[in-house]
């Protein structure tokens, strides 16, 4: 069978002919100082036809793992051998990223873009920026991953959220070996994943990294693992030649956030570990007061595993401490 020719692909100011890699931007609004806030984009357009795979990163500005993953993946993708296209958006929320904050500190009313997406053209500043991104993505992307991490407050190990459609679960498993912590999220709005799923396409949210993994070696590890998954997705969908890997321990489950029952110092139990099955009632961590007296404890709310823990030991009652996956069973 003859190889089908691809067509030029335009995202924002970037137009890539078949076999080209072009940088550009999705135009956004101005801020008061006269600076235009554009969203950077890299379009890798394959030499032959195939699906368009879109990667979003840094919609939360304190999560730098996604931008690194985009850089590393870009180095590994040869446009002349690619079937279809890969669109990398290494920083969806430039002001938040520049401030190293979860959201845009200049926008009090729409601070967190990952709660108001896809925004609206006449809304608050972040609404308008989100809307510009959505307009650029909605008719181009066939599938999308949004890369997240624990940011400034925590570390999250490899975890994925899907809407449980078969195509969503397929994309999750295509992240590769080690990505078996797959949970349900049926939210209909607020994030790129939800918006794209609502448009009848497929998006997932993936988590890896955070505050306690920002040393040079660990940060490189997280970026490399995420880049490897981007390439693995290309293998799975026959966009690149290569053998995809898959998780052999994929589970179906529901997330529960565990909050601190008391104030003090948060101390995980010795021997507990991320993505490791626990029984309901097993102790995850204890909280001691400033004198060392135990004042509270966290226990597994169900059979399952934790995939996220707070990074700072000092904790106040009601603070977020743990993300727990209540495992319902294995996936087929």
C-alpha atoms as a PDB file:
ATOM      1  CA  UNK A   1       0.000   0.000   0.000  1.00  0.00           C
ATOM      2  CA  UNK A   2       1.334   3.429  -0.922  1.00  0.00           C
ATOM      3  CA  UNK A   3       2.012   5.842   1.926  1.00  0.00           C
ATOM      4  CA  UNK A   4      -0.648   8.531   2.073  1.00  0.00           C
ATOM      5  CA  UNK A   5       0.703  12.062   1.873  1.00  0.00           C
ATOM      6  CA  UNK A   6       0.132  14.396   4.785  1.00  0.00           C
ATOM      7  CA  UNK A   7      -0.993  18.030   4.579  1.00  0.00           C
ATOM      8  CA  UNK A   8       0.343  21.204   6.134  1.00  0.00           C
ATOM      9  CA  UNK A   9      -0.801  21.734   9.718  1.00  0.00           C
ATOM     10  CA  UNK A  10      -1.366  25.124  11.332  1.00  0.00           C
ATOM     11  CA  UNK A  11      -1.669  25.790  15.060  1.00  0.00           C
ATOM     12  CA  UNK A  12      -1.611  29.471  15.965  1.00  0.00           C
ATOM     13  CA  UNK A  13       1.299  31.104  14.162  1.00  0.00           C
ATOM     14  CA  UNK A  14       3.030  27.776  13.468  1.00  0.00           C
ATOM     15  CA  UNK A  15       2.467  26.169  10.072  1.00  0.00           C
ATOM     16  CA  UNK A  16       4.412  22.981   9.448  1.00  0.00           C
ATOM     17  CA  UNK A  17       4.593  21.303   6.076  1.00  0.00           C
ATOM     18  CA  UNK A  18       4.859  17.500   5.952  1.00  0.00           C
ATOM     19  CA  UNK A  19       8.163  16.434   7.496  1.00  0.00           C
ATOM     20  CA  UNK A  20       8.713  19.787   9.245  1.00  0.00           C
ATOM     21  CA  UNK A  21       9.004  20.929  12.856  1.00  0.00           C
ATOM     22  CA  UNK A  22       7.898  24.515  13.445  1.00  0.00           C
ATOM     23  CA  UNK A  23       7.728  26.606  16.597  1.00  0.00           C
ATOM     24  CA  UNK A  24       5.113  29.297  17.089  1.00  0.00           C
ATOM     25  CA  UNK A  25       2.473  30.553  19.459  1.00  0.00           C
ATOM     26  CA  UNK A  26      -1.255  30.556  20.069  1.00  0.00           C
ATOM     27  CA  UNK A  27      -2.031  34.294  20.292  1.00  0.00           C
ATOM     28  CA  UNK A  28      -3.463  35.437  23.613  1.00  0.00           C
ATOM     29  CA  UNK A  29      -4.508  38.721  25.261  1.00  0.00           C
ATOM     30  CA  UNK A  30      -2.309  41.583  26.475  1.00  0.00           C
ATOM     31  CA  UNK A  31      -1.603  42.507  30.088  1.00  0.00           C
ATOM     32  CA  UNK A  32      -1.582  46.076  31.352  1.00  0.00           C
ATOM     33  CA  UNK A  33       2.147  46.611  30.876  1.00  0.00           C
ATOM     34  CA  UNK A  34       1.798  46.078  27.141  1.00  0.00           C
ATOM     35  CA  UNK A  35       3.134  42.529  27.065  1.00  0.00           C
ATOM     36  CA  UNK A  36       1.219  40.047  24.934  1.00  0.00           C
ATOM     37  CA  UNK A  37       0.640  36.674  26.585  1.00  0.00           C
ATOM     38  CA  UNK A  38       0.947  34.018  23.894  1.00  0.00           C
ATOM     39  CA  UNK A  39       0.981  30.256  24.430  1.00  0.00           C
ATOM     40  CA  UNK A  40       4.100  28.580  22.956  1.00  0.00           C
ATOM     41  CA  UNK A  41       3.549  25.634  20.629  1.00  0.00           C
ATOM     42  CA  UNK A  42       5.664  23.171  18.647  1.00  0.00           C
ATOM     43  CA  UNK A  43       4.091  21.468  15.635  1.00  0.00           C
ATOM     44  CA  UNK A  44       5.784  18.250  14.498  1.00  0.00           C
ATOM     45  CA  UNK A  45       4.090  17.354  11.229  1.00  0.00           C
ATOM     46  CA  UNK A  46       4.837  13.896   9.913  1.00  0.00           C
ATOM     47  CA  UNK A  47       5.802  13.115   6.350  1.00  0.00           C
ATOM     48  CA  UNK A  48       2.760  10.854   5.975  1.00  0.00           C
ATOM     49  CA  UNK A  49      -0.803  10.877   7.242  1.00  0.00           C
ATOM     50  CA  UNK A  50      -1.998   9.722  10.639  1.00  0.00           C
ATOM     51  CA  UNK A  51      -3.705  10.996  13.804  1.00  0.00           C
ATOM     52  CA  UNK A  52      -2.871  14.243  15.581  1.00  0.00           C
ATOM     53  CA  UNK A  53      -1.605  13.716  19.131  1.00  0.00           C
ATOM     54  CA  UNK A  54      -1.677  16.833  21.305  1.00  0.00           C
ATOM     55  CA  UNK A  55       0.328  17.218  24.550  1.00  0.00           C
ATOM     56  CA  UNK A  56      -0.523  19.929  27.099  1.00  0.00           C
ATOM     57  CA  UNK A  57       1.850  20.904  29.911  1.00  0.00           C
ATOM     58  CA  UNK A  58       2.105  23.523  32.666  1.00  0.00           C
ATOM     59  CA  UNK A  59      -1.544  24.505  32.827  1.00  0.00           C
ATOM     60  CA  UNK A  60      -0.511  24.730  36.486  1.00  0.00           C
ATOM     61  CA  UNK A  61       2.519  26.973  36.723  1.00  0.00           C
ATOM     62  CA  UNK A  62       4.191  25.131  39.607  1.00  0.00           C
ATOM     63  CA  UNK A  63       4.387  21.900  37.590  1.00  0.00           C
ATOM     64  CA  UNK A  64       7.536  22.106  35.408  1.00  0.00           C
ATOM     65  CA  UNK A  65       7.725  18.396  34.605  1.00  0.00           C
ATOM     66  CA  UNK A  66       5.548  18.713  31.499  1.00  0.00           C
ATOM     67  CA  UNK A  67       7.709  21.322  29.772  1.00  0.00           C
ATOM     68  CA  UNK A  68      10.785  19.137  30.327  1.00  0.00           C
ATOM     69  CA  UNK A  69       8.943  16.103  28.929  1.00  0.00           C
ATOM     70  CA  UNK A  70       7.983  18.069  25.820  1.00  0.00           C
ATOM     71  CA  UNK A  71      11.617  19.092  25.264  1.00  0.00           C
ATOM     72  CA  UNK A  72      12.868  15.529  25.634  1.00  0.00           C
ATOM     73  CA  UNK A  73      10.126  14.039  23.450  1.00  0.00           C
ATOM     74  CA  UNK A  74      10.784  16.608  20.728  1.00  0.00           C
ATOM     75  CA  UNK A  75      14.414  15.456  20.544  1.00  0.00           C
ATOM     76  CA  UNK A  76      13.271  11.871  19.931  1.00  0.00           C
ATOM     77  CA  UNK A  77      10.642  12.434  17.238  1.00  0.00           C
ATOM     78  CA  UNK A  78      11.876  12.449  13.642  1.00  0.00           C
ATOM     79  CA  UNK A  79       9.246  14.246  11.564  1.00  0.00           C
ATOM     80  CA  UNK A  80      10.407  12.445   8.427  1.00  0.00           C
ATOM     81  CA  UNK A  81       9.448   9.125  10.035  1.00  0.00           C
ATOM     82  CA  UNK A  82       6.288  10.310  11.788  1.00  0.00           C
ATOM     83  CA  UNK A  83       2.825   9.367  10.554  1.00  0.00           C
ATOM     84  CA  UNK A  84       0.377  12.074  11.561  1.00  0.00           C
ATOM     85  CA  UNK A  85       1.358  14.952  13.830  1.00  0.00           C
ATOM     86  CA  UNK A  86       2.417  15.676  17.389  1.00  0.00           C
ATOM     87  CA  UNK A  87       1.536  19.095  18.807  1.00  0.00           C
ATOM     88  CA  UNK A  88       3.447  20.045  21.945  1.00  0.00           C
ATOM     89  CA  UNK A  89       2.217  22.893  24.149  1.00  0.00           C
ATOM     90  CA  UNK A  90       4.944  23.067  26.799  1.00  0.00           C
ATOM     91  CA  UNK A  91       3.335  25.911  28.756  1.00  0.00           C
ATOM     92  CA  UNK A  92      -0.423  26.403  28.564  1.00  0.00           C
ATOM     93  CA  UNK A  93      -0.414  29.047  31.322  1.00  0.00           C
ATOM     94  CA  UNK A  94       2.641  31.316  30.796  1.00  0.00           C
ATOM     95  CA  UNK A  95       1.985  33.834  33.584  1.00  0.00           C
ATOM     96  CA  UNK A  96       1.391  31.115  36.168  1.00  0.00           C
ATOM     97  CA  UNK A  97       4.562  29.337  35.005  1.00  0.00           C
ATOM     98  CA  UNK A  98       6.612  32.539  35.151  1.00  0.00           C
ATOM     99  CA  UNK A  99       5.417  33.076  38.730  1.00  0.00           C
ATOM    100  CA  UNK A 100       5.878  29.367  39.632  1.00  0.00           C
ATOM    101  CA  UNK A 101       2.335  29.410  40.996  1.00  0.00           C
ATOM    102  CA  UNK A 102      -0.533  27.000  40.438  1.00  0.00           C
ATOM    103  CA  UNK A 103      -2.568  29.695  38.713  1.00  0.00           C
ATOM    104  CA  UNK A 104      -2.264  33.212  37.347  1.00  0.00           C
ATOM    105  CA  UNK A 105      -1.534  35.496  40.333  1.00  0.00           C
ATOM    106  CA  UNK A 106      -2.841  38.467  38.320  1.00  0.00           C
ATOM    107  CA  UNK A 107      -6.296  36.900  37.996  1.00  0.00           C
ATOM    108  CA  UNK A 108      -8.165  36.745  41.291  1.00  0.00           C
ATOM    109  CA  UNK A 109     -11.441  35.527  39.815  1.00  0.00           C
ATOM    110  CA  UNK A 110     -10.223  32.783  37.472  1.00  0.00           C
ATOM    111  CA  UNK A 111      -6.963  31.829  39.158  1.00  0.00           C
ATOM    112  CA  UNK A 112      -6.808  28.124  38.247  1.00  0.00           C
ATOM    113  CA  UNK A 113      -7.077  27.532  34.495  1.00  0.00           C
ATOM    114  CA  UNK A 114      -7.612  23.813  35.073  1.00  0.00           C
ATOM    115  CA  UNK A 115     -10.917  24.574  36.783  1.00  0.00           C
ATOM    116  CA  UNK A 116     -12.409  27.063  34.286  1.00  0.00           C
ATOM    117  CA  UNK A 117     -11.250  25.547  30.975  1.00  0.00           C
ATOM    118  CA  UNK A 118     -12.250  26.027  28.121  1.00  0.00           C
ATOM    119  CA  UNK A 119     -12.939  29.528  29.385  1.00  0.00           C
ATOM    120  CA  UNK A 120     -14.885  32.098  27.398  1.00  0.00           C
ATOM    121  CA  UNK A 121     -13.878  34.850  24.994  1.00  0.00           C
ATOM    122  CA  UNK A 122     -15.343  37.668  27.093  1.00  0.00           C
ATOM    123  CA  UNK A 123     -14.517  36.311  30.560  1.00  0.00           C
ATOM    124  CA  UNK A 124     -11.728  37.013  33.005  1.00  0.00           C
ATOM    125  CA  UNK A 125      -8.141  37.077  31.720  1.00  0.00           C
ATOM    126  CA  UNK A 126      -7.529  33.370  32.313  1.00  0.00           C
ATOM    127  CA  UNK A 127     -10.891  32.560  30.693  1.00  0.00           C
ATOM    128  CA  UNK A 128      -9.753  34.369  27.563  1.00  0.00           C
ATOM    129  CA  UNK A 129      -6.377  32.638  27.452  1.00  0.00           C
ATOM    130  CA  UNK A 130      -8.022  29.236  27.976  1.00  0.00           C
ATOM    131  CA  UNK A 131     -10.502  30.011  25.210  1.00  0.00           C
ATOM    132  CA  UNK A 132      -7.669  30.875  22.803  1.00  0.00           C
ATOM    133  CA  UNK A 133      -6.046  27.526  23.563  1.00  0.00           C
ATOM    134  CA  UNK A 134      -9.334  25.665  23.119  1.00  0.00           C
ATOM    135  CA  UNK A 135     -10.033  27.302  19.772  1.00  0.00           C
ATOM    136  CA  UNK A 136      -6.589  26.205  18.580  1.00  0.00           C
ATOM    137  CA  UNK A 137      -6.938  22.624  19.861  1.00  0.00           C
ATOM    138  CA  UNK A 138     -10.557  21.576  19.400  1.00  0.00           C
ATOM    139  CA  UNK A 139     -10.564  21.008  15.638  1.00  0.00           C
ATOM    140  CA  UNK A 140      -6.958  19.781  15.383  1.00  0.00           C
ATOM    141  CA  UNK A 141      -6.412  17.219  18.147  1.00  0.00           C
ATOM    142  CA  UNK A 142      -7.626  13.642  17.815  1.00  0.00           C
ATOM    143  CA  UNK A 143      -6.256  12.688  21.232  1.00  0.00           C
ATOM    144  CA  UNK A 144      -4.670  14.632  24.067  1.00  0.00           C
ATOM    145  CA  UNK A 145      -2.794  14.144  27.310  1.00  0.00           C
ATOM    146  CA  UNK A 146      -2.552  16.820  29.995  1.00  0.00           C
ATOM    147  CA  UNK A 147       0.615  16.451  32.072  1.00  0.00           C
ATOM    148  CA  UNK A 148       0.360  17.293  35.775  1.00  0.00           C
ATOM    149  CA  UNK A 149       2.332  16.705  38.960  1.00  0.00           C
ATOM    150  CA  UNK A 150       2.112  17.400  42.674  1.00  0.00           C
ATOM    151  CA  UNK A 151       3.483  20.872  42.073  1.00  0.00           C
ATOM    152  CA  UNK A 152       4.681  22.864  45.062  1.00  0.00           C
ATOM    153  CA  UNK A 153       2.718  20.940  47.662  1.00  0.00           C
ATOM    154  CA  UNK A 154       3.257  17.221  47.046  1.00  0.00           C
ATOM    155  CA  UNK A 155       4.713  14.343  45.042  1.00  0.00           C
ATOM    156  CA  UNK A 156       2.446  12.243  42.833  1.00  0.00           C
ATOM    157  CA  UNK A 157       3.578   8.937  41.390  1.00  0.00           C
ATOM    158  CA  UNK A 158       2.429   7.573  38.022  1.00  0.00           C
ATOM    159  CA  UNK A 159      -1.351   7.947  37.905  1.00  0.00           C
ATOM    160  CA  UNK A 160      -3.941   8.537  35.185  1.00  0.00           C
ATOM    161  CA  UNK A 161      -7.529   9.795  35.081  1.00  0.00           C
ATOM    162  CA  UNK A 162      -9.927   8.602  32.358  1.00  0.00           C
ATOM    163  CA  UNK A 163     -13.631   8.955  31.575  1.00  0.00           C
ATOM    164  CA  UNK A 164     -13.948   5.144  31.160  1.00  0.00           C
ATOM    165  CA  UNK A 165     -14.825   5.146  27.463  1.00  0.00           C
ATOM    166  CA  UNK A 166     -12.842   2.364  25.739  1.00  0.00           C
ATOM    167  CA  UNK A 167     -10.851   4.877  23.720  1.00  0.00           C
ATOM    168  CA  UNK A 168      -9.948   6.747  26.922  1.00  0.00           C
ATOM    169  CA  UNK A 169      -8.747   3.589  28.667  1.00  0.00           C
ATOM    170  CA  UNK A 170      -6.810   2.617  25.532  1.00  0.00           C
ATOM    171  CA  UNK A 171      -4.961   5.922  25.556  1.00  0.00           C
ATOM    172  CA  UNK A 172      -4.213   5.499  29.270  1.00  0.00           C
ATOM    173  CA  UNK A 173      -2.733   2.041  28.780  1.00  0.00           C
ATOM    174  CA  UNK A 174      -0.682   3.394  25.877  1.00  0.00           C
ATOM    175  CA  UNK A 175       1.252   5.481  28.435  1.00  0.00           C
ATOM    176  CA  UNK A 176       3.217   2.269  28.908  1.00  0.00           C
ATOM    177  CA  UNK A 177       4.582  -0.053  31.556  1.00  0.00           C
ATOM    178  CA  UNK A 178       4.314   1.262  35.099  1.00  0.00           C
ATOM    179  CA  UNK A 179       1.173   3.312  34.459  1.00  0.00           C
ATOM    180  CA  UNK A 180      -1.348   0.881  35.945  1.00  0.00           C
ATOM    181  CA  UNK A 181      -2.907   3.286  38.479  1.00  0.00           C
ATOM    182  CA  UNK A 182      -5.865   4.330  36.315  1.00  0.00           C
ATOM    183  CA  UNK A 183      -8.830   6.058  37.954  1.00  0.00           C
ATOM    184  CA  UNK A 184     -12.232   7.260  36.827  1.00  0.00           C
ATOM    185  CA  UNK A 185     -12.997  10.939  36.329  1.00  0.00           C
ATOM    186  CA  UNK A 186     -16.364  11.802  34.815  1.00  0.00           C
ATOM    187  CA  UNK A 187     -16.093  15.595  35.204  1.00  0.00           C
ATOM    188  CA  UNK A 188     -17.755  17.222  32.197  1.00  0.00           C
ATOM    189  CA  UNK A 189     -15.976  20.587  32.271  1.00  0.00           C
ATOM    190  CA  UNK A 190     -13.084  22.534  33.730  1.00  0.00           C
ATOM    191  CA  UNK A 191     -10.057  20.908  32.068  1.00  0.00           C
ATOM    192  CA  UNK A 192      -8.671  20.206  28.570  1.00  0.00           C
ATOM    193  CA  UNK A 193      -9.385  16.513  29.133  1.00  0.00           C
ATOM    194  CA  UNK A 194     -13.039  17.167  29.941  1.00  0.00           C
ATOM    195  CA  UNK A 195     -13.511  19.644  27.090  1.00  0.00           C
ATOM    196  CA  UNK A 196     -11.992  17.359  24.472  1.00  0.00           C
ATOM    197  CA  UNK A 197     -13.955  14.350  25.721  1.00  0.00           C
ATOM    198  CA  UNK A 198     -17.109  16.465  25.538  1.00  0.00           C
ATOM    199  CA  UNK A 199     -16.295  17.182  21.899  1.00  0.00           C
ATOM    200  CA  UNK A 200     -16.355  13.442  21.183  1.00  0.00           C
ATOM    201  CA  UNK A 201     -12.587  13.025  21.035  1.00  0.00           C
ATOM    202  CA  UNK A 202     -10.303  11.627  23.731  1.00  0.00           C
ATOM    203  CA  UNK A 203      -8.180  13.223  26.431  1.00  0.00           C
ATOM    204  CA  UNK A 204      -6.668  11.960  29.664  1.00  0.00           C
ATOM    205  CA  UNK A 205      -4.910  13.533  32.637  1.00  0.00           C
ATOM    206  CA  UNK A 206      -1.587  12.063  33.767  1.00  0.00           C
ATOM    207  CA  UNK A 207       0.313  12.757  36.989  1.00  0.00           C
ATOM    208  CA  UNK A 208       3.990  12.348  37.835  1.00  0.00           C
ATOM    209  CA  UNK A 209       6.387  14.480  39.870  1.00  0.00           C
ATOM    210  CA  UNK A 210       6.254  17.289  42.364  1.00  0.00           C
ATOM    211  CA  UNK A 211       8.156  19.160  45.007  1.00  0.00           C
ATOM    212  CA  UNK A 212      10.213  16.314  46.441  1.00  0.00           C
ATOM    213  CA  UNK A 213      11.366  15.234  42.952  1.00  0.00           C
ATOM    214  CA  UNK A 214      12.995  18.475  41.814  1.00  0.00           C
ATOM    215  CA  UNK A 215      16.605  17.577  42.580  1.00  0.00           C
ATOM    216  CA  UNK A 216      18.571  17.310  39.305  1.00  0.00           C
ATOM    217  CA  UNK A 217      18.588  13.522  39.111  1.00  0.00           C
ATOM    218  CA  UNK A 218      14.948  13.047  40.091  1.00  0.00           C
ATOM    219  CA  UNK A 219      13.694  15.873  37.895  1.00  0.00           C
ATOM    220  CA  UNK A 220      15.490  14.368  34.893  1.00  0.00           C
ATOM    221  CA  UNK A 221      13.984  10.982  35.759  1.00  0.00           C
ATOM    222  CA  UNK A 222      10.424  12.370  35.781  1.00  0.00           C
ATOM    223  CA  UNK A 223      10.924  14.232  32.504  1.00  0.00           C
ATOM    224  CA  UNK A 224      12.425  11.149  30.862  1.00  0.00           C
ATOM    225  CA  UNK A 225       9.591   8.893  32.039  1.00  0.00           C
ATOM    226  CA  UNK A 226       6.949  11.260  30.685  1.00  0.00           C
ATOM    227  CA  UNK A 227       8.809  11.678  27.382  1.00  0.00           C
ATOM    228  CA  UNK A 228       9.055   7.896  27.106  1.00  0.00           C
ATOM    229  CA  UNK A 229       5.273   7.702  27.463  1.00  0.00           C
ATOM    230  CA  UNK A 230       4.762  10.298  24.724  1.00  0.00           C
ATOM    231  CA  UNK A 231       6.880   8.159  22.407  1.00  0.00           C
ATOM    232  CA  UNK A 232       5.115   4.985  23.568  1.00  0.00           C
ATOM    233  CA  UNK A 233       1.767   6.523  22.594  1.00  0.00           C
ATOM    234  CA  UNK A 234       3.197   7.212  19.145  1.00  0.00           C
ATOM    235  CA  UNK A 235       4.237   3.557  18.909  1.00  0.00           C
ATOM    236  CA  UNK A 236       0.818   2.320  20.020  1.00  0.00           C
ATOM    237  CA  UNK A 237      -1.089   4.363  17.442  1.00  0.00           C
ATOM    238  CA  UNK A 238       1.386   3.435  14.673  1.00  0.00           C
ATOM    239  CA  UNK A 239       2.638   7.000  14.381  1.00  0.00           C
ATOM    240  CA  UNK A 240       6.238   5.842  14.779  1.00  0.00           C
ATOM    241  CA  UNK A 241       7.888   2.491  14.218  1.00  0.00           C
ATOM    242  CA  UNK A 242       8.592   0.828  17.534  1.00  0.00           C
ATOM    243  CA  UNK A 243       7.219  -1.635  20.044  1.00  0.00           C
ATOM    244  CA  UNK A 244       4.860  -0.192  22.657  1.00  0.00           C
ATOM    245  CA  UNK A 245       4.801  -1.415  26.243  1.00  0.00           C
ATOM    246  CA  UNK A 246       1.742  -1.612  28.492  1.00  0.00           C
ATOM    247  CA  UNK A 247       1.013  -1.876  32.216  1.00  0.00           C
ATOM    248  CA  UNK A 248       0.506  -5.445  33.371  1.00  0.00           C
ATOM    249  CA  UNK A 249      -1.181  -4.387  36.615  1.00  0.00           C
ATOM    250  CA  UNK A 250      -3.776  -1.849  35.443  1.00  0.00           C
ATOM    251  CA  UNK A 251      -6.558  -1.250  37.955  1.00  0.00           C
ATOM    252  CA  UNK A 252      -9.877   0.539  37.987  1.00  0.00           C
ATOM    253  CA  UNK A 253     -10.505   2.800  40.934  1.00  0.00           C
ATOM    254  CA  UNK A 254     -11.722   6.045  42.432  1.00  0.00           C
ATOM    255  CA  UNK A 255      -9.663   8.839  43.963  1.00  0.00           C
ATOM    256  CA  UNK A 256     -10.158  10.005  47.531  1.00  0.00           C
ATOM    257  CA  UNK A 257      -8.288  12.916  49.103  1.00  0.00           C
ATOM    258  CA  UNK A 258      -7.322  12.313  52.733  1.00  0.00           C
ATOM    259  CA  UNK A 259      -7.092  15.367  54.992  1.00  0.00           C
ATOM    260  CA  UNK A 260      -5.116  15.870  58.185  1.00  0.00           C
ATOM    261  CA  UNK A 261      -7.205  15.074  61.291  1.00  0.00           C
ATOM    262  CA  UNK A 262      -4.865  17.150  63.488  1.00  0.00           C
ATOM    263  CA  UNK A 263      -2.048  19.679  63.307  1.00  0.00           C
ATOM    264  CA  UNK A 264       1.620  18.826  63.687  1.00  0.00           C
ATOM    265  CA  UNK A 265       4.336  16.965  61.768  1.00  0.00           C
ATOM    266  CA  UNK A 266       3.280  14.498  59.066  1.00  0.00           C
ATOM    267  CA  UNK A 267       5.264  11.238  59.235  1.00  0.00           C
ATOM    268  CA  UNK A 268       4.566   8.431  56.723  1.00  0.00           C
ATOM    269  CA  UNK A 269       4.868   4.957  58.197  1.00  0.00           C
ATOM    270  CA  UNK A 270       8.066   3.023  57.550  1.00  0.00           C
ATOM    271  CA  UNK A 271       7.673   0.516  54.754  1.00  0.00           C
ATOM    272  CA  UNK A 272       4.665   2.086  53.055  1.00  0.00           C
ATOM    273  CA  UNK A 273       5.239   2.984  49.419  1.00  0.00           C
ATOM    274  CA  UNK A 274       3.539   4.575  46.441  1.00  0.00           C
ATOM    275  CA  UNK A 275       1.406   2.445  44.113  1.00  0.00           C
ATOM    276  CA  UNK A 276       1.545  -0.534  46.491  1.00  0.00           C
ATOM    277  CA  UNK A 277      -1.653  -2.334  47.426  1.00  0.00           C
ATOM    278  CA  UNK A 278      -2.852  -1.846  51.005  1.00  0.00           C
ATOM    279  CA  UNK A 279      -5.766  -3.236  52.963  1.00  0.00           C
ATOM    280  CA  UNK A 280      -8.558  -1.069  54.296  1.00  0.00           C
ATOM    281  CA  UNK A 281      -7.471   0.285  57.668  1.00  0.00           C
ATOM    282  CA  UNK A 282      -3.723  -0.045  57.082  1.00  0.00           C
ATOM    283  CA  UNK A 283      -1.908   2.936  58.502  1.00  0.00           C
ATOM    284  CA  UNK A 284      -0.381   5.336  55.964  1.00  0.00           C
ATOM    285  CA  UNK A 285       1.009   8.042  58.242  1.00  0.00           C
ATOM    286  CA  UNK A 286       0.834   9.516  61.708  1.00  0.00           C
ATOM    287  CA  UNK A 287       0.839  13.092  62.887  1.00  0.00           C
ATOM    288  CA  UNK A 288       2.818  14.107  65.953  1.00  0.00           C
ATOM    289  CA  UNK A 289       2.753  17.414  67.766  1.00  0.00           C
ATOM    290  CA  UNK A 290       5.824  19.560  68.285  1.00  0.00           C
ATOM    291  CA  UNK A 291       6.747  17.476  71.357  1.00  0.00           C
ATOM    292  CA  UNK A 292       6.527  14.167  69.501  1.00  0.00           C
ATOM    293  CA  UNK A 293       3.166  13.022  70.877  1.00  0.00           C
ATOM    294  CA  UNK A 294       0.937  11.279  68.334  1.00  0.00           C
ATOM    295  CA  UNK A 295      -2.170  13.398  67.758  1.00  0.00           C
ATOM    296  CA  UNK A 296      -3.641  11.781  64.659  1.00  0.00           C
ATOM    297  CA  UNK A 297      -3.204   9.158  61.947  1.00  0.00           C
ATOM    298  CA  UNK A 298      -4.181   8.462  58.341  1.00  0.00           C
ATOM    299  CA  UNK A 299      -5.498   5.030  57.384  1.00  0.00           C
ATOM    300  CA  UNK A 300      -6.362   3.469  54.042  1.00  0.00           C
ATOM    301  CA  UNK A 301     -10.080   4.200  53.489  1.00  0.00           C
ATOM    302  CA  UNK A 302     -10.447   1.051  51.341  1.00  0.00           C
ATOM    303  CA  UNK A 303      -8.343  -1.621  49.711  1.00  0.00           C
ATOM    304  CA  UNK A 304      -6.111   0.239  47.288  1.00  0.00           C
ATOM    305  CA  UNK A 305      -2.973   2.342  47.024  1.00  0.00           C
ATOM    306  CA  UNK A 306      -1.828   5.876  47.574  1.00  0.00           C
ATOM    307  CA  UNK A 307      -0.279   7.721  44.647  1.00  0.00           C
ATOM    308  CA  UNK A 308       0.319  11.114  46.246  1.00  0.00           C
ATOM    309  CA  UNK A 309       1.674  12.426  49.561  1.00  0.00           C
ATOM    310  CA  UNK A 310       2.279  15.948  50.795  1.00  0.00           C
ATOM    311  CA  UNK A 311       5.873  17.141  50.484  1.00  0.00           C
ATOM    312  CA  UNK A 312       6.091  19.402  53.531  1.00  0.00           C
ATOM    313  CA  UNK A 313       5.890  17.630  56.922  1.00  0.00           C
ATOM    314  CA  UNK A 314       4.352  20.572  58.789  1.00  0.00           C
ATOM    315  CA  UNK A 315       0.590  20.239  58.527  1.00  0.00           C
ATOM    316  CA  UNK A 316      -2.529  21.887  59.932  1.00  0.00           C
ATOM    317  CA  UNK A 317      -5.835  20.139  60.595  1.00  0.00           C
ATOM    318  CA  UNK A 318      -7.798  19.942  57.343  1.00  0.00           C
ATOM    319  CA  UNK A 319      -4.749  20.244  55.099  1.00  0.00           C
ATOM    320  CA  UNK A 320      -4.427  17.887  52.162  1.00  0.00           C
ATOM    321  CA  UNK A 321      -2.161  14.938  53.017  1.00  0.00           C
ATOM    322  CA  UNK A 322      -2.714  12.049  50.627  1.00  0.00           C
ATOM    323  CA  UNK A 323      -4.300  11.034  47.325  1.00  0.00           C
ATOM    324  CA  UNK A 324      -5.607   7.480  47.598  1.00  0.00           C
ATOM    325  CA  UNK A 325      -6.818   5.204  44.803  1.00  0.00           C
ATOM    326  CA  UNK A 326      -9.684   3.063  46.090  1.00  0.00           C
ATOM    327  CA  UNK A 327      -9.097   0.057  43.834  1.00  0.00           C
ATOM    328  CA  UNK A 328     -12.224  -1.690  42.593  1.00  0.00           C
ATOM    329  CA  UNK A 329     -10.407  -4.423  40.681  1.00  0.00           C
ATOM    330  CA  UNK A 330      -8.117  -5.180  37.755  1.00  0.00           C
ATOM    331  CA  UNK A 331      -8.706  -3.874  34.257  1.00  0.00           C
ATOM    332  CA  UNK A 332      -9.072  -6.242  31.339  1.00  0.00           C
END
